[in-house]
mmCIF file of all heavy atoms, coordinates in Angstrom:
data_MODEL
# 
_entry.id   MODEL 
# 
loop_
_atom_site.group_PDB 
_atom_site.id 
_atom_site.type_symbol 
_atom_site.label_atom_id 
_atom_site.label_alt_id 
_atom_site.label_comp_id 
_atom_site.label_asym_id 
_atom_site.label_entity_id 
_atom_site.label_seq_id 
_atom_site.pdbx_PDB_ins_code 
_atom_site.Cartn_x 
_atom_site.Cartn_y 
_atom_site.Cartn_z 
_atom_site.occupancy 
_atom_site.B_iso_or_equiv 
_atom_site.pdbx_formal_charge 
_atom_site.auth_seq_id 
_atom_site.auth_comp_id 
_atom_site.auth_asym_id 
_atom_site.auth_atom_id 
_atom_site.pdbx_PDB_model_num 
ATOM 1   N N   . MET A 1 1  ? 85.965 81.582  97.742  1.00 0.00 ? 1  MET A N   1 
ATOM 2   C CA  . MET A 1 1  ? 84.565 81.931  97.484  1.00 0.00 ? 1  MET A CA  1 
ATOM 3   C C   . MET A 1 1  ? 84.357 83.441  97.540  1.00 0.00 ? 1  MET A C   1 
ATOM 4   O O   . MET A 1 1  ? 83.576 83.997  96.771  1.00 0.00 ? 1  MET A O   1 
ATOM 5   C CB  . MET A 1 1  ? 83.659 81.230  98.508  1.00 0.00 ? 1  MET A CB  1 
ATOM 6   C CG  . MET A 1 1  ? 83.612 79.719  98.353  1.00 0.00 ? 1  MET A CG  1 
ATOM 7   S SD  . MET A 1 1  ? 82.990 79.225  96.724  1.00 0.00 ? 1  MET A SD  1 
ATOM 8   C CE  . MET A 1 1  ? 81.312 79.864  96.796  1.00 0.00 ? 1  MET A CE  1 
ATOM 9   N N   . LEU A 1 2  ? 85.082 84.108  98.452  1.00 0.00 ? 2  LEU A N   1 
ATOM 10  C CA  . LEU A 1 2  ? 85.014 85.566  98.489  1.00 0.00 ? 2  LEU A CA  1 
ATOM 11  C C   . LEU A 1 2  ? 85.620 86.160  97.227  1.00 0.00 ? 2  LEU A C   1 
ATOM 12  O O   . LEU A 1 2  ? 85.156 87.203  96.728  1.00 0.00 ? 2  LEU A O   1 
ATOM 13  C CB  . LEU A 1 2  ? 85.735 86.099  99.726  1.00 0.00 ? 2  LEU A CB  1 
ATOM 14  C CG  . LEU A 1 2  ? 85.086 85.791  101.075 1.00 0.00 ? 2  LEU A CG  1 
ATOM 15  C CD1 . LEU A 1 2  ? 85.952 86.340  102.208 1.00 0.00 ? 2  LEU A CD1 1 
ATOM 16  C CD2 . LEU A 1 2  ? 83.682 86.366  101.149 1.00 0.00 ? 2  LEU A CD2 1 
ATOM 17  N N   . VAL A 1 3  ? 86.671 85.504  96.708  1.00 0.00 ? 3  VAL A N   1 
ATOM 18  C CA  . VAL A 1 3  ? 87.265 85.960  95.445  1.00 0.00 ? 3  VAL A CA  1 
ATOM 19  C C   . VAL A 1 3  ? 86.221 85.898  94.335  1.00 0.00 ? 3  VAL A C   1 
ATOM 20  O O   . VAL A 1 3  ? 86.118 86.807  93.500  1.00 0.00 ? 3  VAL A O   1 
ATOM 21  C CB  . VAL A 1 3  ? 88.498 85.102  95.085  1.00 0.00 ? 3  VAL A CB  1 
ATOM 22  C CG1 . VAL A 1 3  ? 89.039 85.483  93.699  1.00 0.00 ? 3  VAL A CG1 1 
ATOM 23  C CG2 . VAL A 1 3  ? 89.590 85.268  96.135  1.00 0.00 ? 3  VAL A CG2 1 
ATOM 24  N N   . ALA A 1 4  ? 85.437 84.836  94.308  1.00 0.00 ? 4  ALA A N   1 
ATOM 25  C CA  . ALA A 1 4  ? 84.393 84.693  93.295  1.00 0.00 ? 4  ALA A CA  1 
ATOM 26  C C   . ALA A 1 4  ? 83.299 85.745  93.475  1.00 0.00 ? 4  ALA A C   1 
ATOM 27  O O   . ALA A 1 4  ? 82.804 86.329  92.496  1.00 0.00 ? 4  ALA A O   1 
ATOM 28  C CB  . ALA A 1 4  ? 83.789 83.292  93.356  1.00 0.00 ? 4  ALA A CB  1 
ATOM 29  N N   . VAL A 1 5  ? 82.925 86.015  94.731  1.00 0.00 ? 5  VAL A N   1 
ATOM 30  C CA  . VAL A 1 5  ? 81.915 87.043  94.996  1.00 0.00 ? 5  VAL A CA  1 
ATOM 31  C C   . VAL A 1 5  ? 82.436 88.411  94.571  1.00 0.00 ? 5  VAL A C   1 
ATOM 32  O O   . VAL A 1 5  ? 81.707 89.210  93.948  1.00 0.00 ? 5  VAL A O   1 
ATOM 33  C CB  . VAL A 1 5  ? 81.532 87.048  96.489  1.00 0.00 ? 5  VAL A CB  1 
ATOM 34  C CG1 . VAL A 1 5  ? 80.688 88.272  96.827  1.00 0.00 ? 5  VAL A CG1 1 
ATOM 35  C CG2 . VAL A 1 5  ? 80.788 85.770  96.850  1.00 0.00 ? 5  VAL A CG2 1 
ATOM 36  N N   . LEU A 1 6  ? 83.694 88.701  94.911  1.00 0.00 ? 6  LEU A N   1 
ATOM 37  C CA  . LEU A 1 6  ? 84.289 89.969  94.486  1.00 0.00 ? 6  LEU A CA  1 
ATOM 38  C C   . LEU A 1 6  ? 84.258 90.085  92.970  1.00 0.00 ? 6  LEU A C   1 
ATOM 39  O O   . LEU A 1 6  ? 84.023 91.166  92.422  1.00 0.00 ? 6  LEU A O   1 
ATOM 40  C CB  . LEU A 1 6  ? 85.727 90.080  95.008  1.00 0.00 ? 6  LEU A CB  1 
ATOM 41  C CG  . LEU A 1 6  ? 86.430 91.419  94.829  1.00 0.00 ? 6  LEU A CG  1 
ATOM 42  C CD1 . LEU A 1 6  ? 87.455 91.655  95.947  1.00 0.00 ? 6  LEU A CD1 1 
ATOM 43  C CD2 . LEU A 1 6  ? 87.153 91.515  93.484  1.00 0.00 ? 6  LEU A CD2 1 
ATOM 44  N N   . ALA A 1 7  ? 84.469 88.967  92.287  1.00 0.00 ? 7  ALA A N   1 
ATOM 45  C CA  . ALA A 1 7  ? 84.466 88.987  90.826  1.00 0.00 ? 7  ALA A CA  1 
ATOM 46  C C   . ALA A 1 7  ? 83.100 89.376  90.270  1.00 0.00 ? 7  ALA A C   1 
ATOM 47  O O   . ALA A 1 7  ? 83.009 90.130  89.284  1.00 0.00 ? 7  ALA A O   1 
ATOM 48  C CB  . ALA A 1 7  ? 84.873 87.620  90.290  1.00 0.00 ? 7  ALA A CB  1 
ATOM 49  N N   . ILE A 1 8  ? 82.038 88.868  90.872  1.00 0.00 ? 8  ILE A N   1 
ATOM 50  C CA  . ILE A 1 8  ? 80.694 89.233  90.418  1.00 0.00 ? 8  ILE A CA  1 
ATOM 51  C C   . ILE A 1 8  ? 80.479 90.733  90.592  1.00 0.00 ? 8  ILE A C   1 
ATOM 52  O O   . ILE A 1 8  ? 79.963 91.420  89.702  1.00 0.00 ? 8  ILE A O   1 
ATOM 53  C CB  . ILE A 1 8  ? 79.632 88.436  91.193  1.00 0.00 ? 8  ILE A CB  1 
ATOM 54  C CG1 . ILE A 1 8  ? 79.776 86.941  90.904  1.00 0.00 ? 8  ILE A CG1 1 
ATOM 55  C CG2 . ILE A 1 8  ? 78.230 88.913  90.833  1.00 0.00 ? 8  ILE A CG2 1 
ATOM 56  C CD1 . ILE A 1 8  ? 78.882 86.058  91.756  1.00 0.00 ? 8  ILE A CD1 1 
ATOM 57  N N   . ALA A 1 9  ? 80.875 91.255  91.765  1.00 0.00 ? 9  ALA A N   1 
ATOM 58  C CA  . ALA A 1 9  ? 80.735 92.692  92.012  1.00 0.00 ? 9  ALA A CA  1 
ATOM 59  C C   . ALA A 1 9  ? 81.633 93.494  91.076  1.00 0.00 ? 9  ALA A C   1 
ATOM 60  O O   . ALA A 1 9  ? 81.252 94.571  90.596  1.00 0.00 ? 9  ALA A O   1 
ATOM 61  C CB  . ALA A 1 9  ? 81.075 93.002  93.467  1.00 0.00 ? 9  ALA A CB  1 
ATOM 62  N N   . ASN A 1 10 ? 82.832 92.982  90.804  1.00 0.00 ? 10 ASN A N   1 
ATOM 63  C CA  . ASN A 1 10 ? 83.778 93.626  89.890  1.00 0.00 ? 10 ASN A CA  1 
ATOM 64  C C   . ASN A 1 10 ? 83.134 93.788  88.513  1.00 0.00 ? 10 ASN A C   1 
ATOM 65  O O   . ASN A 1 10 ? 83.149 94.873  87.922  1.00 0.00 ? 10 ASN A O   1 
ATOM 66  C CB  . ASN A 1 10 ? 85.039 92.749  89.815  1.00 0.00 ? 10 ASN A CB  1 
ATOM 67  C CG  . ASN A 1 10 ? 86.167 93.373  89.031  1.00 0.00 ? 10 ASN A CG  1 
ATOM 68  O OD1 . ASN A 1 10 ? 85.992 94.323  88.283  1.00 0.00 ? 10 ASN A OD1 1 
ATOM 69  N ND2 . ASN A 1 10 ? 87.367 92.815  89.186  1.00 0.00 ? 10 ASN A ND2 1 
ATOM 70  N N   . ALA A 1 11 ? 82.554 92.701  87.997  1.00 0.00 ? 11 ALA A N   1 
ATOM 71  C CA  . ALA A 1 11 ? 81.888 92.765  86.695  1.00 0.00 ? 11 ALA A CA  1 
ATOM 72  C C   . ALA A 1 11 ? 80.682 93.696  86.740  1.00 0.00 ? 11 ALA A C   1 
ATOM 73  O O   . ALA A 1 11 ? 80.462 94.503  85.821  1.00 0.00 ? 11 ALA A O   1 
ATOM 74  C CB  . ALA A 1 11 ? 81.466 91.364  86.269  1.00 0.00 ? 11 ALA A CB  1 
ATOM 75  N N   . GLY A 1 12 ? 79.898 93.594  87.816  1.00 0.00 ? 12 GLY A N   1 
ATOM 76  C CA  . GLY A 1 12 ? 78.735 94.461  87.940  1.00 0.00 ? 12 GLY A CA  1 
ATOM 77  C C   . GLY A 1 12 ? 79.104 95.927  88.003  1.00 0.00 ? 12 GLY A C   1 
ATOM 78  O O   . GLY A 1 12 ? 78.431 96.782  87.412  1.00 0.00 ? 12 GLY A O   1 
ATOM 79  N N   . GLY A 1 13 ? 80.201 96.235  88.720  1.00 0.00 ? 13 GLY A N   1 
ATOM 80  C CA  . GLY A 1 13 ? 80.656 97.621  88.803  1.00 0.00 ? 13 GLY A CA  1 
ATOM 81  C C   . GLY A 1 13 ? 81.009 98.198  87.454  1.00 0.00 ? 13 GLY A C   1 
ATOM 82  O O   . GLY A 1 13 ? 80.740 99.377  87.165  1.00 0.00 ? 13 GLY A O   1 
ATOM 83  N N   . ARG A 1 14 ? 81.598 97.387  86.573  1.00 0.00 ? 14 ARG A N   1 
ATOM 84  C CA  . ARG A 1 14 ? 81.967 97.856  85.240  1.00 0.00 ? 14 ARG A CA  1 
ATOM 85  C C   . ARG A 1 14 ? 80.742 98.208  84.412  1.00 0.00 ? 14 ARG A C   1 
ATOM 86  O O   . ARG A 1 14 ? 80.713 99.233  83.720  1.00 0.00 ? 14 ARG A O   1 
ATOM 87  C CB  . ARG A 1 14 ? 82.795 96.769  84.542  1.00 0.00 ? 14 ARG A CB  1 
ATOM 88  C CG  . ARG A 1 14 ? 84.111 96.491  85.240  1.00 0.00 ? 14 ARG A CG  1 
ATOM 89  C CD  . ARG A 1 14 ? 84.801 95.238  84.711  1.00 0.00 ? 14 ARG A CD  1 
ATOM 90  N NE  . ARG A 1 14 ? 85.915 94.863  85.604  1.00 0.00 ? 14 ARG A NE  1 
ATOM 91  C CZ  . ARG A 1 14 ? 87.159 94.656  85.200  1.00 0.00 ? 14 ARG A CZ  1 
ATOM 92  N NH1 . ARG A 1 14 ? 87.466 94.754  83.929  1.00 0.00 ? 14 ARG A NH1 1 
ATOM 93  N NH2 . ARG A 1 14 ? 88.093 94.339  86.073  1.00 0.00 ? 14 ARG A NH2 1 
ATOM 94  N N   . ILE A 1 15 ? 79.728 97.363  84.483  1.00 0.00 ? 15 ILE A N   1 
ATOM 95  C CA  . ILE A 1 15 ? 78.508 97.614  83.704  1.00 0.00 ? 15 ILE A CA  1 
ATOM 96  C C   . ILE A 1 15 ? 77.718 98.773  84.298  1.00 0.00 ? 15 ILE A C   1 
ATOM 97  O O   . ILE A 1 15 ? 77.271 99.677  83.588  1.00 0.00 ? 15 ILE A O   1 
ATOM 98  C CB  . ILE A 1 15 ? 77.651 96.336  83.659  1.00 0.00 ? 15 ILE A CB  1 
ATOM 99  C CG1 . ILE A 1 15 ? 78.413 95.221  82.921  1.00 0.00 ? 15 ILE A CG1 1 
ATOM 100 C CG2 . ILE A 1 15 ? 76.319 96.602  82.982  1.00 0.00 ? 15 ILE A CG2 1 
ATOM 101 C CD1 . ILE A 1 15 ? 77.741 93.864  82.997  1.00 0.00 ? 15 ILE A CD1 1 
ATOM 102 N N   . ILE A 1 16 ? 77.553 98.767  85.622  1.00 0.00 ? 16 ILE A N   1 
ATOM 103 C CA  . ILE A 1 16 ? 76.770 99.816  86.278  1.00 0.00 ? 16 ILE A CA  1 
ATOM 104 C C   . ILE A 1 16 ? 77.428 101.177 86.093  1.00 0.00 ? 16 ILE A C   1 
ATOM 105 O O   . ILE A 1 16 ? 76.761 102.162 85.747  1.00 0.00 ? 16 ILE A O   1 
ATOM 106 C CB  . ILE A 1 16 ? 76.594 99.503  87.775  1.00 0.00 ? 16 ILE A CB  1 
ATOM 107 C CG1 . ILE A 1 16 ? 75.723 98.260  87.953  1.00 0.00 ? 16 ILE A CG1 1 
ATOM 108 C CG2 . ILE A 1 16 ? 75.963 100.684 88.512  1.00 0.00 ? 16 ILE A CG2 1 
ATOM 109 C CD1 . ILE A 1 16 ? 75.725 97.696  89.370  1.00 0.00 ? 16 ILE A CD1 1 
ATOM 110 N N   . ALA A 1 17 ? 78.740 101.258 86.318  1.00 0.00 ? 17 ALA A N   1 
ATOM 111 C CA  . ALA A 1 17 ? 79.433 102.536 86.191  1.00 0.00 ? 17 ALA A CA  1 
ATOM 112 C C   . ALA A 1 17 ? 79.389 103.049 84.754  1.00 0.00 ? 17 ALA A C   1 
ATOM 113 O O   . ALA A 1 17 ? 79.251 104.259 84.515  1.00 0.00 ? 17 ALA A O   1 
ATOM 114 C CB  . ALA A 1 17 ? 80.884 102.411 86.654  1.00 0.00 ? 17 ALA A CB  1 
ATOM 115 N N   . GLY A 1 18 ? 79.507 102.132 83.778  1.00 0.00 ? 18 GLY A N   1 
ATOM 116 C CA  . GLY A 1 18 ? 79.395 102.557 82.386  1.00 0.00 ? 18 GLY A CA  1 
ATOM 117 C C   . GLY A 1 18 ? 78.040 103.155 82.097  1.00 0.00 ? 18 GLY A C   1 
ATOM 118 O O   . GLY A 1 18 ? 77.926 104.220 81.473  1.00 0.00 ? 18 GLY A O   1 
ATOM 119 N N   . TRP A 1 19 ? 76.994 102.506 82.584  1.00 0.00 ? 19 TRP A N   1 
ATOM 120 C CA  . TRP A 1 19 ? 75.622 102.981 82.360  1.00 0.00 ? 19 TRP A CA  1 
ATOM 121 C C   . TRP A 1 19 ? 75.376 104.305 83.090  1.00 0.00 ? 19 TRP A C   1 
ATOM 122 O O   . TRP A 1 19 ? 74.844 105.255 82.518  1.00 0.00 ? 19 TRP A O   1 
ATOM 123 C CB  . TRP A 1 19 ? 74.645 101.914 82.837  1.00 0.00 ? 19 TRP A CB  1 
ATOM 124 C CG  . TRP A 1 19 ? 73.203 102.242 82.600  1.00 0.00 ? 19 TRP A CG  1 
ATOM 125 C CD1 . TRP A 1 19 ? 72.480 102.036 81.461  1.00 0.00 ? 19 TRP A CD1 1 
ATOM 126 C CD2 . TRP A 1 19 ? 72.298 102.851 83.542  1.00 0.00 ? 19 TRP A CD2 1 
ATOM 127 N NE1 . TRP A 1 19 ? 71.184 102.472 81.628  1.00 0.00 ? 19 TRP A NE1 1 
ATOM 128 C CE2 . TRP A 1 19 ? 71.048 102.967 82.890  1.00 0.00 ? 19 TRP A CE2 1 
ATOM 129 C CE3 . TRP A 1 19 ? 72.425 103.289 84.856  1.00 0.00 ? 19 TRP A CE3 1 
ATOM 130 C CZ2 . TRP A 1 19 ? 69.930 103.514 83.522  1.00 0.00 ? 19 TRP A CZ2 1 
ATOM 131 C CZ3 . TRP A 1 19 ? 71.315 103.841 85.489  1.00 0.00 ? 19 TRP A CZ3 1 
ATOM 132 C CH2 . TRP A 1 19 ? 70.091 103.948 84.823  1.00 0.00 ? 19 TRP A CH2 1 
ATOM 133 N N   . VAL A 1 20 ? 75.795 104.367 84.353  1.00 0.00 ? 20 VAL A N   1 
ATOM 134 C CA  . VAL A 1 20 ? 75.566 105.582 85.146  1.00 0.00 ? 20 VAL A CA  1 
ATOM 135 C C   . VAL A 1 20 ? 76.351 106.762 84.571  1.00 0.00 ? 20 VAL A C   1 
ATOM 136 O O   . VAL A 1 20 ? 75.833 107.884 84.447  1.00 0.00 ? 20 VAL A O   1 
ATOM 137 C CB  . VAL A 1 20 ? 75.958 105.349 86.620  1.00 0.00 ? 20 VAL A CB  1 
ATOM 138 C CG1 . VAL A 1 20 ? 75.961 106.661 87.397  1.00 0.00 ? 20 VAL A CG1 1 
ATOM 139 C CG2 . VAL A 1 20 ? 75.008 104.350 87.265  1.00 0.00 ? 20 VAL A CG2 1 
ATOM 140 N N   . SER A 1 21 ? 77.614 106.520 84.188  1.00 0.00 ? 21 SER A N   1 
ATOM 141 C CA  . SER A 1 21 ? 78.443 107.629 83.700  1.00 0.00 ? 21 SER A CA  1 
ATOM 142 C C   . SER A 1 21 ? 77.965 108.165 82.362  1.00 0.00 ? 21 SER A C   1 
ATOM 143 O O   . SER A 1 21 ? 78.214 109.329 82.040  1.00 0.00 ? 21 SER A O   1 
ATOM 144 C CB  . SER A 1 21 ? 79.910 107.187 83.594  1.00 0.00 ? 21 SER A CB  1 
ATOM 145 O OG  . SER A 1 21 ? 80.094 106.235 82.550  1.00 0.00 ? 21 SER A OG  1 
ATOM 146 N N   . ASP A 1 22 ? 77.271 107.339 81.567  1.00 0.00 ? 22 ASP A N   1 
ATOM 147 C CA  . ASP A 1 22 ? 76.659 107.839 80.336  1.00 0.00 ? 22 ASP A CA  1 
ATOM 148 C C   . ASP A 1 22 ? 75.567 108.850 80.649  1.00 0.00 ? 22 ASP A C   1 
ATOM 149 O O   . ASP A 1 22 ? 75.210 109.670 79.792  1.00 0.00 ? 22 ASP A O   1 
ATOM 150 C CB  . ASP A 1 22 ? 76.045 106.686 79.528  1.00 0.00 ? 22 ASP A CB  1 
ATOM 151 C CG  . ASP A 1 22 ? 77.080 105.896 78.727  1.00 0.00 ? 22 ASP A CG  1 
ATOM 152 O OD1 . ASP A 1 22 ? 78.185 106.432 78.487  1.00 0.00 ? 22 ASP A OD1 1 
ATOM 153 O OD2 . ASP A 1 22 ? 76.776 104.746 78.339  1.00 0.00 ? 22 ASP A OD2 1 
ATOM 154 N N   . ARG A 1 23 ? 75.056 108.812 81.877  1.00 0.00 ? 23 ARG A N   1 
ATOM 155 C CA  . ARG A 1 23 ? 73.924 109.664 82.249  1.00 0.00 ? 23 ARG A CA  1 
ATOM 156 C C   . ARG A 1 23 ? 74.302 110.845 83.145  1.00 0.00 ? 23 ARG A C   1 
ATOM 157 O O   . ARG A 1 23 ? 73.801 111.947 82.935  1.00 0.00 ? 23 ARG A O   1 
ATOM 158 C CB  . ARG A 1 23 ? 72.846 108.798 82.931  1.00 0.00 ? 23 ARG A CB  1 
ATOM 159 C CG  . ARG A 1 23 ? 72.093 107.959 81.914  1.00 0.00 ? 23 ARG A CG  1 
ATOM 160 C CD  . ARG A 1 23 ? 71.523 106.666 82.458  1.00 0.00 ? 23 ARG A CD  1 
ATOM 161 N NE  . ARG A 1 23 ? 70.791 105.971 81.399  1.00 0.00 ? 23 ARG A NE  1 
ATOM 162 C CZ  . ARG A 1 23 ? 71.388 105.261 80.430  1.00 0.00 ? 23 ARG A CZ  1 
ATOM 163 N NH1 . ARG A 1 23 ? 72.703 105.138 80.399  1.00 0.00 ? 23 ARG A NH1 1 
ATOM 164 N NH2 . ARG A 1 23 ? 70.661 104.676 79.493  1.00 0.00 ? 23 ARG A NH2 1 
ATOM 165 N N   . ILE A 1 24 ? 75.179 110.640 84.134  1.00 0.00 ? 24 ILE A N   1 
ATOM 166 C CA  . ILE A 1 24 ? 75.495 111.751 85.039  1.00 0.00 ? 24 ILE A CA  1 
ATOM 167 C C   . ILE A 1 24 ? 76.884 112.329 84.800  1.00 0.00 ? 24 ILE A C   1 
ATOM 168 O O   . ILE A 1 24 ? 77.263 113.301 85.436  1.00 0.00 ? 24 ILE A O   1 
ATOM 169 C CB  . ILE A 1 24 ? 75.349 111.336 86.517  1.00 0.00 ? 24 ILE A CB  1 
ATOM 170 C CG1 . ILE A 1 24 ? 76.457 110.360 86.930  1.00 0.00 ? 24 ILE A CG1 1 
ATOM 171 C CG2 . ILE A 1 24 ? 73.974 110.746 86.785  1.00 0.00 ? 24 ILE A CG2 1 
ATOM 172 C CD1 . ILE A 1 24 ? 76.497 110.077 88.423  1.00 0.00 ? 24 ILE A CD1 1 
ATOM 173 N N   . GLY A 1 25 ? 77.654 111.730 83.899  1.00 0.00 ? 25 GLY A N   1 
ATOM 174 C CA  . GLY A 1 25 ? 78.998 112.227 83.621  1.00 0.00 ? 25 GLY A CA  1 
ATOM 175 C C   . GLY A 1 25 ? 80.064 111.340 84.230  1.00 0.00 ? 25 GLY A C   1 
ATOM 176 O O   . GLY A 1 25 ? 79.845 110.681 85.254  1.00 0.00 ? 25 GLY A O   1 
ATOM 177 N N   . ARG A 1 26 ? 81.228 111.315 83.581  1.00 0.00 ? 26 ARG A N   1 
ATOM 178 C CA  . ARG A 1 26 ? 82.309 110.416 84.020  1.00 0.00 ? 26 ARG A CA  1 
ATOM 179 C C   . ARG A 1 26 ? 82.878 110.831 85.375  1.00 0.00 ? 26 ARG A C   1 
ATOM 180 O O   . ARG A 1 26 ? 83.010 110.028 86.288  1.00 0.00 ? 26 ARG A O   1 
ATOM 181 C CB  . ARG A 1 26 ? 83.442 110.394 82.980  1.00 0.00 ? 26 ARG A CB  1 
ATOM 182 C CG  . ARG A 1 26 ? 83.012 110.192 81.545  1.00 0.00 ? 26 ARG A CG  1 
ATOM 183 C CD  . ARG A 1 26 ? 82.432 108.829 81.267  1.00 0.00 ? 26 ARG A CD  1 
ATOM 184 N NE  . ARG A 1 26 ? 82.181 108.691 79.839  1.00 0.00 ? 26 ARG A NE  1 
ATOM 185 C CZ  . ARG A 1 26 ? 81.209 107.984 79.300  1.00 0.00 ? 26 ARG A CZ  1 
ATOM 186 N NH1 . ARG A 1 26 ? 80.352 107.315 80.063  1.00 0.00 ? 26 ARG A NH1 1 
ATOM 187 N NH2 . ARG A 1 26 ? 81.063 107.932 77.993  1.00 0.00 ? 26 ARG A NH2 1 
ATOM 188 N N   . THR A 1 27 ? 83.271 112.106 85.510  1.00 0.00 ? 27 THR A N   1 
ATOM 189 C CA  . THR A 1 27 ? 83.959 112.507 86.735  1.00 0.00 ? 27 THR A CA  1 
ATOM 190 C C   . THR A 1 27 ? 83.017 112.534 87.946  1.00 0.00 ? 27 THR A C   1 
ATOM 191 O O   . THR A 1 27 ? 83.459 112.300 89.067  1.00 0.00 ? 27 THR A O   1 
ATOM 192 C CB  . THR A 1 27 ? 84.650 113.870 86.564  1.00 0.00 ? 27 THR A CB  1 
ATOM 193 O OG1 . THR A 1 27 ? 83.699 114.837 86.080  1.00 0.00 ? 27 THR A OG1 1 
ATOM 194 C CG2 . THR A 1 27 ? 85.794 113.767 85.558  1.00 0.00 ? 27 THR A CG2 1 
ATOM 195 N N   . SER A 1 28 ? 81.739 112.794 87.708  1.00 0.00 ? 28 SER A N   1 
ATOM 196 C CA  . SER A 1 28 ? 80.787 112.716 88.821  1.00 0.00 ? 28 SER A CA  1 
ATOM 197 C C   . SER A 1 28 ? 80.693 111.286 89.336  1.00 0.00 ? 28 SER A C   1 
ATOM 198 O O   . SER A 1 28 ? 80.627 111.039 90.549  1.00 0.00 ? 28 SER A O   1 
ATOM 199 C CB  . SER A 1 28 ? 79.404 113.206 88.370  1.00 0.00 ? 28 SER A CB  1 
ATOM 200 O OG  . SER A 1 28 ? 79.436 114.562 88.014  1.00 0.00 ? 28 SER A OG  1 
ATOM 201 N N   . THR A 1 29 ? 80.689 110.340 88.418  1.00 0.00 ? 29 THR A N   1 
ATOM 202 C CA  . THR A 1 29 ? 80.665 108.932 88.811  1.00 0.00 ? 29 THR A CA  1 
ATOM 203 C C   . THR A 1 29 ? 81.957 108.554 89.521  1.00 0.00 ? 29 THR A C   1 
ATOM 204 O O   . THR A 1 29 ? 81.949 107.795 90.508  1.00 0.00 ? 29 THR A O   1 
ATOM 205 C CB  . THR A 1 29 ? 80.455 108.040 87.578  1.00 0.00 ? 29 THR A CB  1 
ATOM 206 O OG1 . THR A 1 29 ? 79.330 108.511 86.830  1.00 0.00 ? 29 THR A OG1 1 
ATOM 207 C CG2 . THR A 1 29 ? 80.215 106.594 87.986  1.00 0.00 ? 29 THR A CG2 1 
# 
């Protein structure tokens, strides 16, 4: 179940980081 929870965060991190890095820059993120 923790593996599944980590997976949700894993997917969320990919989307959030992509969105944030488009705005503040890749290396800052």
